[in-house]
Amino acid sequence: MPDAPTPPASIEEAIARVTRFREARDWDQYHTPRHLSRAVAVEASELEEEFLWKDDRDVAEHLRSQEGREAVEDEVGDVLISLLLFCERTGIDPLEALGAKLEKTKKKYPVEDA
């Protein structure tokens, strides 16, 4: 059985890996912000499809099975790859975007109102 792949140690390394993967295949020409934003949406829909028509019990069972878990992980990976390529292409730092959005969301939904 082959060794499990080593996950990236940082968001920067993850972006570098997906960028190298893209460049090695000469896909750069197809990766415009418009196309990559669509790719994020398509891949997110494929993730959603893993749970379509399942109730909470079925979802839990799906995630416990090796086949189901692997399928969901594949879709999470696809979403993340598309999103990281979008961020690289647009110059958006995903962690900065996350931090800024969390701050805005904290103001919009204060704990006191929860």
PDB file of N, CA and C in Angstrom:
ATOM      1  N   MET A   1       0.850  -1.179   0.000  1.00  0.00           N
ATOM      2  CA  MET A   1       0.000   0.000   0.000  1.00  0.00           C
ATOM      3  C   MET A   1       0.895   1.242   0.000  1.00  0.00           C
ATOM      4  N   PRO A   2       0.652   2.195  -0.903  1.00  0.00           N
ATOM      5  CA  PRO A   2       1.507   3.387  -0.972  1.00  0.00           C
ATOM      6  C   PRO A   2       1.301   4.274   0.248  1.00  0.00           C
ATOM      7  N   ASP A   3       2.348   5.043   0.554  1.00  0.00           N
ATOM      8  CA  ASP A   3       2.257   5.986   1.662  1.00  0.00           C
ATOM      9  C   ASP A   3       1.227   7.054   1.342  1.00  0.00           C
ATOM     10  N   ALA A   4       0.580   7.540   2.401  1.00  0.00           N
ATOM     11  CA  ALA A   4      -0.383   8.630   2.227  1.00  0.00           C
ATOM     12  C   ALA A   4       0.372   9.887   1.819  1.00  0.00           C
ATOM     13  N   PRO A   5      -0.231  10.708   0.961  1.00  0.00           N
ATOM     14  CA  PRO A   5       0.439  11.948   0.559  1.00  0.00           C
ATOM     15  C   PRO A   5       0.598  12.883   1.756  1.00  0.00           C
ATOM     16  N   THR A   6       1.668  13.630   1.738  1.00  0.00           N
ATOM     17  CA  THR A   6       1.917  14.591   2.804  1.00  0.00           C
ATOM     18  C   THR A   6       1.111  15.850   2.528  1.00  0.00           C
ATOM     19  N   PRO A   7       0.262  16.253   3.478  1.00  0.00           N
ATOM     20  CA  PRO A   7      -0.510  17.478   3.248  1.00  0.00           C
ATOM     21  C   PRO A   7       0.393  18.705   3.303  1.00  0.00           C
ATOM     22  N   PRO A   8       0.004  19.768   2.641  1.00  0.00           N
ATOM     23  CA  PRO A   8       0.793  21.002   2.704  1.00  0.00           C
ATOM     24  C   PRO A   8       0.876  21.502   4.146  1.00  0.00           C
ATOM     25  N   ALA A   9       2.000  22.104   4.491  1.00  0.00           N
ATOM     26  CA  ALA A   9       2.218  22.601   5.850  1.00  0.00           C
ATOM     27  C   ALA A   9       1.617  23.985   6.063  1.00  0.00           C
ATOM     28  N   SER A  10       1.267  24.665   4.981  1.00  0.00           N
ATOM     29  CA  SER A  10       0.738  26.026   5.098  1.00  0.00           C
ATOM     30  C   SER A  10      -0.152  26.320   3.899  1.00  0.00           C
ATOM     31  N   ILE A  11      -0.905  27.389   4.009  1.00  0.00           N
ATOM     32  CA  ILE A  11      -1.750  27.803   2.887  1.00  0.00           C
ATOM     33  C   ILE A  11      -0.882  28.207   1.695  1.00  0.00           C
ATOM     34  N   GLU A  12       0.264  28.813   1.974  1.00  0.00           N
ATOM     35  CA  GLU A  12       1.181  29.209   0.895  1.00  0.00           C
ATOM     36  C   GLU A  12       1.695  27.984   0.143  1.00  0.00           C
ATOM     37  N   GLU A  13       2.028  26.938   0.894  1.00  0.00           N
ATOM     38  CA  GLU A  13       2.501  25.713   0.247  1.00  0.00           C
ATOM     39  C   GLU A  13       1.382  25.063  -0.564  1.00  0.00           C
ATOM     40  N   ALA A  14       0.163  25.101  -0.047  1.00  0.00           N
ATOM     41  CA  ALA A  14      -0.975  24.538  -0.780  1.00  0.00           C
ATOM     42  C   ALA A  14      -1.171  25.266  -2.104  1.00  0.00           C
ATOM     43  N   ILE A  15      -1.117  26.596  -2.058  1.00  0.00           N
ATOM     44  CA  ILE A  15      -1.266  27.383  -3.288  1.00  0.00           C
ATOM     45  C   ILE A  15      -0.130  27.072  -4.257  1.00  0.00           C
ATOM     46  N   ALA A  16       1.082  26.962  -3.742  1.00  0.00           N
ATOM     47  CA  ALA A  16       2.226  26.643  -4.601  1.00  0.00           C
ATOM     48  C   ALA A  16       2.051  25.278  -5.260  1.00  0.00           C
ATOM     49  N   ARG A  17       1.562  24.306  -4.518  1.00  0.00           N
ATOM     50  CA  ARG A  17       1.373  22.965  -5.080  1.00  0.00           C
ATOM     51  C   ARG A  17       0.332  22.953  -6.193  1.00  0.00           C
ATOM     52  N   VAL A  18      -0.816  23.580  -5.941  1.00  0.00           N
ATOM     53  CA  VAL A  18      -1.857  23.551  -6.978  1.00  0.00           C
ATOM     54  C   VAL A  18      -1.438  24.372  -8.188  1.00  0.00           C
ATOM     55  N   THR A  19      -0.666  25.422  -7.962  1.00  0.00           N
ATOM     56  CA  THR A  19      -0.172  26.238  -9.077  1.00  0.00           C
ATOM     57  C   THR A  19       0.826  25.441  -9.919  1.00  0.00           C
ATOM     58  N   ARG A  20       1.734  24.721  -9.267  1.00  0.00           N
ATOM     59  CA  ARG A  20       2.685  23.870 -10.007  1.00  0.00           C
ATOM     60  C   ARG A  20       1.945  22.790 -10.798  1.00  0.00           C
ATOM     61  N   PHE A  21       0.936  22.203 -10.187  1.00  0.00           N
ATOM     62  CA  PHE A  21       0.129  21.182 -10.857  1.00  0.00           C
ATOM     63  C   PHE A  21      -0.497  21.762 -12.125  1.00  0.00           C
ATOM     64  N   ARG A  22      -1.081  22.953 -11.995  1.00  0.00           N
ATOM     65  CA  ARG A  22      -1.721  23.626 -13.137  1.00  0.00           C
ATOM     66  C   ARG A  22      -0.692  23.935 -14.222  1.00  0.00           C
ATOM     67  N   GLU A  23       0.431  24.504 -13.834  1.00  0.00           N
ATOM     68  CA  GLU A  23       1.451  24.904 -14.808  1.00  0.00           C
ATOM     69  C   GLU A  23       2.036  23.709 -15.543  1.00  0.00           C
ATOM     70  N   ALA A  24       2.209  22.591 -14.847  1.00  0.00           N
ATOM     71  CA  ALA A  24       2.768  21.396 -15.479  1.00  0.00           C
ATOM     72  C   ALA A  24       1.865  20.876 -16.595  1.00  0.00           C
ATOM     73  N   ARG A  25       0.587  21.199 -16.523  1.00  0.00           N
ATOM     74  CA  ARG A  25      -0.377  20.725 -17.515  1.00  0.00           C
ATOM     75  C   ARG A  25      -0.784  21.814 -18.503  1.00  0.00           C
ATOM     76  N   ASP A  26      -0.180  22.980 -18.382  1.00  0.00           N
ATOM     77  CA  ASP A  26      -0.481  24.122 -19.253  1.00  0.00           C
ATOM     78  C   ASP A  26      -1.964  24.499 -19.210  1.00  0.00           C
ATOM     79  N   TRP A  27      -2.543  24.459 -18.008  1.00  0.00           N
ATOM     80  CA  TRP A  27      -3.943  24.825 -17.834  1.00  0.00           C
ATOM     81  C   TRP A  27      -4.107  26.298 -17.487  1.00  0.00           C
ATOM     82  N   ASP A  28      -3.016  26.991 -17.306  1.00  0.00           N
ATOM     83  CA  ASP A  28      -3.067  28.396 -16.906  1.00  0.00           C
ATOM     84  C   ASP A  28      -3.962  29.215 -17.831  1.00  0.00           C
ATOM     85  N   GLN A  29      -3.910  28.903 -19.115  1.00  0.00           N
ATOM     86  CA  GLN A  29      -4.680  29.649 -20.114  1.00  0.00           C
ATOM     87  C   GLN A  29      -6.189  29.570 -19.878  1.00  0.00           C
ATOM     88  N   TYR A  30      -6.646  28.539 -19.184  1.00  0.00           N
ATOM     89  CA  TYR A  30      -8.079  28.352 -18.943  1.00  0.00           C
ATOM     90  C   TYR A  30      -8.531  28.894 -17.587  1.00  0.00           C
ATOM     91  N   HIS A  31      -7.578  29.262 -16.755  1.00  0.00           N
ATOM     92  CA  HIS A  31      -7.899  29.611 -15.372  1.00  0.00           C
ATOM     93  C   HIS A  31      -8.038  31.113 -15.169  1.00  0.00           C
ATOM     94  N   THR A  32      -9.090  31.653 -15.741  1.00  0.00           N
ATOM     95  CA  THR A  32      -9.429  33.062 -15.523  1.00  0.00           C
ATOM     96  C   THR A  32     -10.275  33.151 -14.253  1.00  0.00           C
ATOM     97  N   PRO A  33     -10.355  34.335 -13.642  1.00  0.00           N
ATOM     98  CA  PRO A  33     -11.221  34.458 -12.458  1.00  0.00           C
ATOM     99  C   PRO A  33     -12.658  33.993 -12.730  1.00  0.00           C
ATOM    100  N   ARG A  34     -13.178  34.336 -13.890  1.00  0.00           N
ATOM    101  CA  ARG A  34     -14.549  33.927 -14.234  1.00  0.00           C
ATOM    102  C   ARG A  34     -14.682  32.409 -14.270  1.00  0.00           C
ATOM    103  N   HIS A  35     -13.757  31.741 -14.936  1.00  0.00           N
ATOM    104  CA  HIS A  35     -13.833  30.283 -15.025  1.00  0.00           C
ATOM    105  C   HIS A  35     -13.571  29.623 -13.679  1.00  0.00           C
ATOM    106  N   LEU A  36     -12.635  30.159 -12.926  1.00  0.00           N
ATOM    107  CA  LEU A  36     -12.336  29.560 -11.626  1.00  0.00           C
ATOM    108  C   LEU A  36     -13.473  29.763 -10.634  1.00  0.00           C
ATOM    109  N   SER A  37     -14.150  30.914 -10.690  1.00  0.00           N
ATOM    110  CA  SER A  37     -15.293  31.103  -9.788  1.00  0.00           C
ATOM    111  C   SER A  37     -16.403  30.110 -10.127  1.00  0.00           C
ATOM    112  N   ARG A  38     -16.576  29.842 -11.401  1.00  0.00           N
ATOM    113  CA  ARG A  38     -17.554  28.827 -11.813  1.00  0.00           C
ATOM    114  C   ARG A  38     -17.117  27.438 -11.355  1.00  0.00           C
ATOM    115  N   ALA A  39     -15.821  27.169 -11.439  1.00  0.00           N
ATOM    116  CA  ALA A  39     -15.314  25.870 -10.999  1.00  0.00           C
ATOM    117  C   ALA A  39     -15.580  25.660  -9.508  1.00  0.00           C
ATOM    118  N   VAL A  40     -15.402  26.716  -8.704  1.00  0.00           N
ATOM    119  CA  VAL A  40     -15.697  26.612  -7.267  1.00  0.00           C
ATOM    120  C   VAL A  40     -17.160  26.214  -7.080  1.00  0.00           C
ATOM    121  N   ALA A  41     -18.060  26.885  -7.799  1.00  0.00           N
ATOM    122  CA  ALA A  41     -19.492  26.601  -7.668  1.00  0.00           C
ATOM    123  C   ALA A  41     -19.828  25.177  -8.113  1.00  0.00           C
ATOM    124  N   VAL A  42     -19.256  24.743  -9.215  1.00  0.00           N
ATOM    125  CA  VAL A  42     -19.517  23.390  -9.720  1.00  0.00           C
ATOM    126  C   VAL A  42     -19.020  22.351  -8.729  1.00  0.00           C
ATOM    127  N   GLU A  43     -17.808  22.541  -8.228  1.00  0.00           N
ATOM    128  CA  GLU A  43     -17.252  21.574  -7.277  1.00  0.00           C
ATOM    129  C   GLU A  43     -18.037  21.569  -5.970  1.00  0.00           C
ATOM    130  N   ALA A  44     -18.502  22.738  -5.522  1.00  0.00           N
ATOM    131  CA  ALA A  44     -19.333  22.795  -4.310  1.00  0.00           C
ATOM    132  C   ALA A  44     -20.648  22.050  -4.539  1.00  0.00           C
ATOM    133  N   SER A  45     -21.190  22.139  -5.741  1.00  0.00           N
ATOM    134  CA  SER A  45     -22.414  21.399  -6.070  1.00  0.00           C
ATOM    135  C   SER A  45     -22.167  19.893  -6.043  1.00  0.00           C
ATOM    136  N   GLU A  46     -20.996  19.483  -6.490  1.00  0.00           N
ATOM    137  CA  GLU A  46     -20.661  18.057  -6.447  1.00  0.00           C
ATOM    138  C   GLU A  46     -20.505  17.581  -5.007  1.00  0.00           C
ATOM    139  N   LEU A  47     -19.998  18.430  -4.137  1.00  0.00           N
ATOM    140  CA  LEU A  47     -19.935  18.101  -2.711  1.00  0.00           C
ATOM    141  C   LEU A  47     -21.354  17.959  -2.155  1.00  0.00           C
ATOM    142  N   GLU A  48     -22.204  18.904  -2.488  1.00  0.00           N
ATOM    143  CA  GLU A  48     -23.597  18.857  -2.038  1.00  0.00           C
ATOM    144  C   GLU A  48     -24.291  17.577  -2.516  1.00  0.00           C
ATOM    145  N   GLU A  49     -23.963  17.155  -3.715  1.00  0.00           N
ATOM    146  CA  GLU A  49     -24.581  15.963  -4.291  1.00  0.00           C
ATOM    147  C   GLU A  49     -24.317  14.711  -3.446  1.00  0.00           C
ATOM    148  N   GLU A  50     -23.190  14.680  -2.748  1.00  0.00           N
ATOM    149  CA  GLU A  50     -22.876  13.544  -1.873  1.00  0.00           C
ATOM    150  C   GLU A  50     -23.926  13.367  -0.774  1.00  0.00           C
ATOM    151  N   PHE A  51     -24.662  14.423  -0.465  1.00  0.00           N
ATOM    152  CA  PHE A  51     -25.624  14.385   0.632  1.00  0.00           C
ATOM    153  C   PHE A  51     -27.070  14.497   0.155  1.00  0.00           C
ATOM    154  N   LEU A  52     -27.250  14.578  -1.147  1.00  0.00           N
ATOM    155  CA  LEU A  52     -28.582  14.743  -1.724  1.00  0.00           C
ATOM    156  C   LEU A  52     -29.479  13.567  -1.356  1.00  0.00           C
ATOM    157  N   TRP A  53     -30.665  13.881  -0.892  1.00  0.00           N
ATOM    158  CA  TRP A  53     -31.701  12.914  -0.539  1.00  0.00           C
ATOM    159  C   TRP A  53     -31.313  12.026   0.638  1.00  0.00           C
ATOM    160  N   LYS A  54     -30.365  12.442   1.443  1.00  0.00           N
ATOM    161  CA  LYS A  54     -29.989  11.680   2.633  1.00  0.00           C
ATOM    162  C   LYS A  54     -30.463  12.438   3.869  1.00  0.00           C
ATOM    163  N   ASP A  55     -31.006  11.698   4.838  1.00  0.00           N
ATOM    164  CA  ASP A  55     -31.323  12.338   6.108  1.00  0.00           C
ATOM    165  C   ASP A  55     -30.064  12.308   6.978  1.00  0.00           C
ATOM    166  N   ASP A  56     -30.140  12.876   8.176  1.00  0.00           N
ATOM    167  CA  ASP A  56     -28.949  12.979   9.028  1.00  0.00           C
ATOM    168  C   ASP A  56     -28.335  11.615   9.334  1.00  0.00           C
ATOM    169  N   ARG A  57     -29.172  10.609   9.520  1.00  0.00           N
ATOM    170  CA  ARG A  57     -28.663   9.266   9.812  1.00  0.00           C
ATOM    171  C   ARG A  57     -27.906   8.709   8.601  1.00  0.00           C
ATOM    172  N   ASP A  58     -28.469   8.907   7.417  1.00  0.00           N
ATOM    173  CA  ASP A  58     -27.810   8.436   6.193  1.00  0.00           C
ATOM    174  C   ASP A  58     -26.490   9.166   5.951  1.00  0.00           C
ATOM    175  N   VAL A  59     -26.467  10.456   6.255  1.00  0.00           N
ATOM    176  CA  VAL A  59     -25.234  11.243   6.094  1.00  0.00           C
ATOM    177  C   VAL A  59     -24.152  10.700   7.017  1.00  0.00           C
ATOM    178  N   ALA A  60     -24.516  10.456   8.282  1.00  0.00           N
ATOM    179  CA  ALA A  60     -23.541   9.928   9.240  1.00  0.00           C
ATOM    180  C   ALA A  60     -23.005   8.579   8.773  1.00  0.00           C
ATOM    181  N   GLU A  61     -23.892   7.733   8.270  1.00  0.00           N
ATOM    182  CA  GLU A  61     -23.482   6.420   7.761  1.00  0.00           C
ATOM    183  C   GLU A  61     -22.571   6.566   6.539  1.00  0.00           C
ATOM    184  N   HIS A  62     -22.919   7.487   5.653  1.00  0.00           N
ATOM    185  CA  HIS A  62     -22.117   7.737   4.449  1.00  0.00           C
ATOM    186  C   HIS A  62     -20.699   8.170   4.833  1.00  0.00           C
ATOM    187  N   LEU A  63     -20.600   9.032   5.832  1.00  0.00           N
ATOM    188  CA  LEU A  63     -19.287   9.528   6.257  1.00  0.00           C
ATOM    189  C   LEU A  63     -18.484   8.476   7.019  1.00  0.00           C
ATOM    190  N   ARG A  64     -19.168   7.504   7.614  1.00  0.00           N
ATOM    191  CA  ARG A  64     -18.461   6.424   8.317  1.00  0.00           C
ATOM    192  C   ARG A  64     -17.913   5.381   7.356  1.00  0.00           C
ATOM    193  N   SER A  65     -18.554   5.230   6.201  1.00  0.00           N
ATOM    194  CA  SER A  65     -18.087   4.224   5.248  1.00  0.00           C
ATOM    195  C   SER A  65     -16.832   4.736   4.541  1.00  0.00           C
ATOM    196  N   GLN A  66     -15.939   3.824   4.233  1.00  0.00           N
ATOM    197  CA  GLN A  66     -14.699   4.213   3.553  1.00  0.00           C
ATOM    198  C   GLN A  66     -14.995   4.841   2.196  1.00  0.00           C
ATOM    199  N   GLU A  67     -15.897   4.236   1.454  1.00  0.00           N
ATOM    200  CA  GLU A  67     -16.232   4.743   0.119  1.00  0.00           C
ATOM    201  C   GLU A  67     -16.875   6.130   0.198  1.00  0.00           C
ATOM    202  N   GLY A  68     -17.812   6.302   1.116  1.00  0.00           N
ATOM    203  CA  GLY A  68     -18.484   7.594   1.264  1.00  0.00           C
ATOM    204  C   GLY A  68     -17.538   8.678   1.732  1.00  0.00           C
ATOM    205  N   ARG A  69     -16.744   8.341   2.738  1.00  0.00           N
ATOM    206  CA  ARG A  69     -15.786   9.314   3.277  1.00  0.00           C
ATOM    207  C   ARG A  69     -14.807   9.752   2.187  1.00  0.00           C
ATOM    208  N   GLU A  70     -14.305   8.795   1.422  1.00  0.00           N
ATOM    209  CA  GLU A  70     -13.356   9.115   0.354  1.00  0.00           C
ATOM    210  C   GLU A  70     -13.999   9.998  -0.715  1.00  0.00           C
ATOM    211  N   ALA A  71     -15.249   9.713  -1.053  1.00  0.00           N
ATOM    212  CA  ALA A  71     -15.950  10.523  -2.055  1.00  0.00           C
ATOM    213  C   ALA A  71     -16.113  11.959  -1.568  1.00  0.00           C
ATOM    214  N   VAL A  72     -16.478  12.128  -0.297  1.00  0.00           N
ATOM    215  CA  VAL A  72     -16.640  13.470   0.269  1.00  0.00           C
ATOM    216  C   VAL A  72     -15.292  14.182   0.328  1.00  0.00           C
ATOM    217  N   GLU A  73     -14.255  13.483   0.763  1.00  0.00           N
ATOM    218  CA  GLU A  73     -12.917  14.088   0.812  1.00  0.00           C
ATOM    219  C   GLU A  73     -12.455  14.514  -0.579  1.00  0.00           C
ATOM    220  N   ASP A  74     -12.752  13.705  -1.595  1.00  0.00           N
ATOM    221  CA  ASP A  74     -12.397  14.077  -2.969  1.00  0.00           C
ATOM    222  C   ASP A  74     -13.068  15.387  -3.366  1.00  0.00           C
ATOM    223  N   GLU A  75     -14.342  15.525  -3.037  1.00  0.00           N
ATOM    224  CA  GLU A  75     -15.064  16.751  -3.396  1.00  0.00           C
ATOM    225  C   GLU A  75     -14.564  17.950  -2.596  1.00  0.00           C
ATOM    226  N   VAL A  76     -14.250  17.752  -1.322  1.00  0.00           N
ATOM    227  CA  VAL A  76     -13.663  18.839  -0.525  1.00  0.00           C
ATOM    228  C   VAL A  76     -12.349  19.274  -1.161  1.00  0.00           C
ATOM    229  N   GLY A  77     -11.539  18.304  -1.573  1.00  0.00           N
ATOM    230  CA  GLY A  77     -10.283  18.624  -2.243  1.00  0.00           C
ATOM    231  C   GLY A  77     -10.497  19.402  -3.525  1.00  0.00           C
ATOM    232  N   ASP A  78     -11.497  19.004  -4.307  1.00  0.00           N
ATOM    233  CA  ASP A  78     -11.788  19.720  -5.554  1.00  0.00           C
ATOM    234  C   ASP A  78     -12.212  21.162  -5.290  1.00  0.00           C
ATOM    235  N   VAL A  79     -13.073  21.364  -4.279  1.00  0.00           N
ATOM    236  CA  VAL A  79     -13.499  22.726  -3.923  1.00  0.00           C
ATOM    237  C   VAL A  79     -12.289  23.552  -3.511  1.00  0.00           C
ATOM    238  N   LEU A  80     -11.460  22.970  -2.664  1.00  0.00           N
ATOM    239  CA  LEU A  80     -10.297  23.697  -2.153  1.00  0.00           C
ATOM    240  C   LEU A  80      -9.300  24.018  -3.261  1.00  0.00           C
ATOM    241  N   ILE A  81      -9.050  23.071  -4.148  1.00  0.00           N
ATOM    242  CA  ILE A  81      -8.144  23.324  -5.274  1.00  0.00           C
ATOM    243  C   ILE A  81      -8.657  24.491  -6.116  1.00  0.00           C
ATOM    244  N   SER A  82      -9.931  24.457  -6.463  1.00  0.00           N
ATOM    245  CA  SER A  82     -10.501  25.535  -7.284  1.00  0.00           C
ATOM    246  C   SER A  82     -10.437  26.872  -6.560  1.00  0.00           C
ATOM    247  N   LEU A  83     -10.738  26.872  -5.269  1.00  0.00           N
ATOM    248  CA  LEU A  83     -10.720  28.117  -4.502  1.00  0.00           C
ATOM    249  C   LEU A  83      -9.298  28.664  -4.364  1.00  0.00           C
ATOM    250  N   LEU A  84      -8.332  27.795  -4.115  1.00  0.00           N
ATOM    251  CA  LEU A  84      -6.943  28.255  -3.996  1.00  0.00           C
ATOM    252  C   LEU A  84      -6.430  28.798  -5.328  1.00  0.00           C
ATOM    253  N   LEU A  85      -6.783  28.149  -6.426  1.00  0.00           N
ATOM    254  CA  LEU A  85      -6.378  28.662  -7.737  1.00  0.00           C
ATOM    255  C   LEU A  85      -7.038  30.009  -8.019  1.00  0.00           C
ATOM    256  N   PHE A  86      -8.296  30.167  -7.613  1.00  0.00           N
ATOM    257  CA  PHE A  86      -8.978  31.452  -7.762  1.00  0.00           C
ATOM    258  C   PHE A  86      -8.256  32.531  -6.957  1.00  0.00           C
ATOM    259  N   CYS A  87      -7.912  32.216  -5.713  1.00  0.00           N
ATOM    260  CA  CYS A  87      -7.208  33.187  -4.861  1.00  0.00           C
ATOM    261  C   CYS A  87      -5.849  33.552  -5.452  1.00  0.00           C
ATOM    262  N   GLU A  88      -5.133  32.568  -5.947  1.00  0.00           N
ATOM    263  CA  GLU A  88      -3.822  32.830  -6.552  1.00  0.00           C
ATOM    264  C   GLU A  88      -3.981  33.737  -7.763  1.00  0.00           C
ATOM    265  N   ARG A  89      -4.964  33.447  -8.593  1.00  0.00           N
ATOM    266  CA  ARG A  89      -5.166  34.209  -9.826  1.00  0.00           C
ATOM    267  C   ARG A  89      -5.577  35.652  -9.536  1.00  0.00           C
ATOM    268  N   THR A  90      -6.368  35.873  -8.483  1.00  0.00           N
ATOM    269  CA  THR A  90      -6.894  37.211  -8.188  1.00  0.00           C
ATOM    270  C   THR A  90      -6.060  37.975  -7.168  1.00  0.00           C
ATOM    271  N   GLY A  91      -5.040  37.316  -6.603  1.00  0.00           N
ATOM    272  CA  GLY A  91      -4.211  37.980  -5.600  1.00  0.00           C
ATOM    273  C   GLY A  91      -4.890  38.130  -4.251  1.00  0.00           C
ATOM    274  N   ILE A  92      -5.891  37.321  -3.998  1.00  0.00           N
ATOM    275  CA  ILE A  92      -6.591  37.359  -2.710  1.00  0.00           C
ATOM    276  C   ILE A  92      -5.924  36.374  -1.758  1.00  0.00           C
ATOM    277  N   ASP A  93      -5.543  36.870  -0.586  1.00  0.00           N
ATOM    278  CA  ASP A  93      -4.995  35.998   0.450  1.00  0.00           C
ATOM    279  C   ASP A  93      -6.182  35.335   1.149  1.00  0.00           C
ATOM    280  N   PRO A  94      -6.317  34.012   1.037  1.00  0.00           N
ATOM    281  CA  PRO A  94      -7.501  33.363   1.604  1.00  0.00           C
ATOM    282  C   PRO A  94      -7.610  33.511   3.116  1.00  0.00           C
ATOM    283  N   LEU A  95      -6.496  33.521   3.816  1.00  0.00           N
ATOM    284  CA  LEU A  95      -6.555  33.672   5.272  1.00  0.00           C
ATOM    285  C   LEU A  95      -6.924  35.091   5.668  1.00  0.00           C
ATOM    286  N   GLU A  96      -6.435  36.082   4.926  1.00  0.00           N
ATOM    287  CA  GLU A  96      -6.847  37.464   5.185  1.00  0.00           C
ATOM    288  C   GLU A  96      -8.332  37.637   4.894  1.00  0.00           C
ATOM    289  N   ALA A  97      -8.804  37.052   3.805  1.00  0.00           N
ATOM    290  CA  ALA A  97     -10.229  37.131   3.466  1.00  0.00           C
ATOM    291  C   ALA A  97     -11.075  36.472   4.554  1.00  0.00           C
ATOM    292  N   LEU A  98     -10.614  35.345   5.051  1.00  0.00           N
ATOM    293  CA  LEU A  98     -11.321  34.648   6.122  1.00  0.00           C
ATOM    294  C   LEU A  98     -11.379  35.504   7.381  1.00  0.00           C
ATOM    295  N   GLY A  99     -10.229  36.047   7.776  1.00  0.00           N
ATOM    296  CA  GLY A  99     -10.179  36.884   8.973  1.00  0.00           C
ATOM    297  C   GLY A  99     -11.079  38.100   8.865  1.00  0.00           C
ATOM    298  N   ALA A 100     -11.038  38.774   7.725  1.00  0.00           N
ATOM    299  CA  ALA A 100     -11.868  39.964   7.521  1.00  0.00           C
ATOM    300  C   ALA A 100     -13.350  39.600   7.557  1.00  0.00           C
ATOM    301  N   LYS A 101     -13.708  38.487   6.934  1.00  0.00           N
ATOM    302  CA  LYS A 101     -15.117  38.076   6.912  1.00  0.00           C
ATOM    303  C   LYS A 101     -15.599  37.686   8.302  1.00  0.00           C
ATOM    304  N   LEU A 102     -14.756  37.014   9.077  1.00  0.00           N
ATOM    305  CA  LEU A 102     -15.143  36.664  10.447  1.00  0.00           C
ATOM    306  C   LEU A 102     -15.406  37.912  11.278  1.00  0.00           C
ATOM    307  N   GLU A 103     -14.576  38.940  11.108  1.00  0.00           N
ATOM    308  CA  GLU A 103     -14.780  40.195  11.846  1.00  0.00           C
ATOM    309  C   GLU A 103     -16.098  40.846  11.453  1.00  0.00           C
ATOM    310  N   LYS A 104     -16.389  40.903  10.162  1.00  0.00           N
ATOM    311  CA  LYS A 104     -17.660  41.467   9.702  1.00  0.00           C
ATOM    312  C   LYS A 104     -18.842  40.664  10.245  1.00  0.00           C
ATOM    313  N   THR A 105     -18.698  39.351  10.245  1.00  0.00           N
ATOM    314  CA  THR A 105     -19.783  38.486  10.702  1.00  0.00           C
ATOM    315  C   THR A 105     -19.995  38.616  12.208  1.00  0.00           C
ATOM    316  N   LYS A 106     -18.910  38.804  12.965  1.00  0.00           N
ATOM    317  CA  LYS A 106     -19.043  39.023  14.412  1.00  0.00           C
ATOM    318  C   LYS A 106     -19.860  40.275  14.695  1.00  0.00           C
ATOM    319  N   LYS A 107     -19.649  41.317  13.910  1.00  0.00           N
ATOM    320  CA  LYS A 107     -20.399  42.566  14.094  1.00  0.00           C
ATOM    321  C   LYS A 107     -21.853  42.401  13.670  1.00  0.00           C
ATOM    322  N   LYS A 108     -22.067  41.652  12.614  1.00  0.00           N
ATOM    323  CA  LYS A 108     -23.426  41.462  12.105  1.00  0.00           C
ATOM    324  C   LYS A 108     -24.254  40.574  13.034  1.00  0.00           C
ATOM    325  N   TYR A 109     -23.595  39.591  13.645  1.00  0.00           N
ATOM    326  CA  TYR A 109     -24.274  38.633  14.517  1.00  0.00           C
ATOM    327  C   TYR A 109     -23.577  38.583  15.878  1.00  0.00           C
ATOM    328  N   PRO A 110     -23.778  39.611  16.717  1.00  0.00           N
ATOM    329  CA  PRO A 110     -23.105  39.625  18.020  1.00  0.00           C
ATOM    330  C   PRO A 110     -23.573  38.471  18.915  1.00  0.00           C
ATOM    331  N   VAL A 111     -22.668  38.010  19.767  1.00  0.00           N
ATOM    332  CA  VAL A 111     -22.963  36.903  20.676  1.00  0.00           C
ATOM    333  C   VAL A 111     -24.184  37.227  21.530  1.00  0.00           C
ATOM    334  N   GLU A 112     -24.304  38.469  21.937  1.00  0.00           N
ATOM    335  CA  GLU A 112     -25.415  38.874  22.806  1.00  0.00           C
ATOM    336  C   GLU A 112     -26.775  38.621  22.163  1.00  0.00           C
ATOM    337  N   ASP A 113     -26.823  38.615  20.846  1.00  0.00           N
ATOM    338  CA  ASP A 113     -28.086  38.418  20.135  1.00  0.00           C
ATOM    339  C   ASP A 113     -28.343  36.954  19.767  1.00  0.00           C
ATOM    340  N   ALA A 114     -27.391  36.097  20.092  1.00  0.00           N
ATOM    341  CA  ALA A 114     -27.528  34.680  19.707  1.00  0.00           C
ATOM    342  C   ALA A 114     -28.514  33.955  20.616  1.00  0.00           C
TER     343      ALA A 114
END
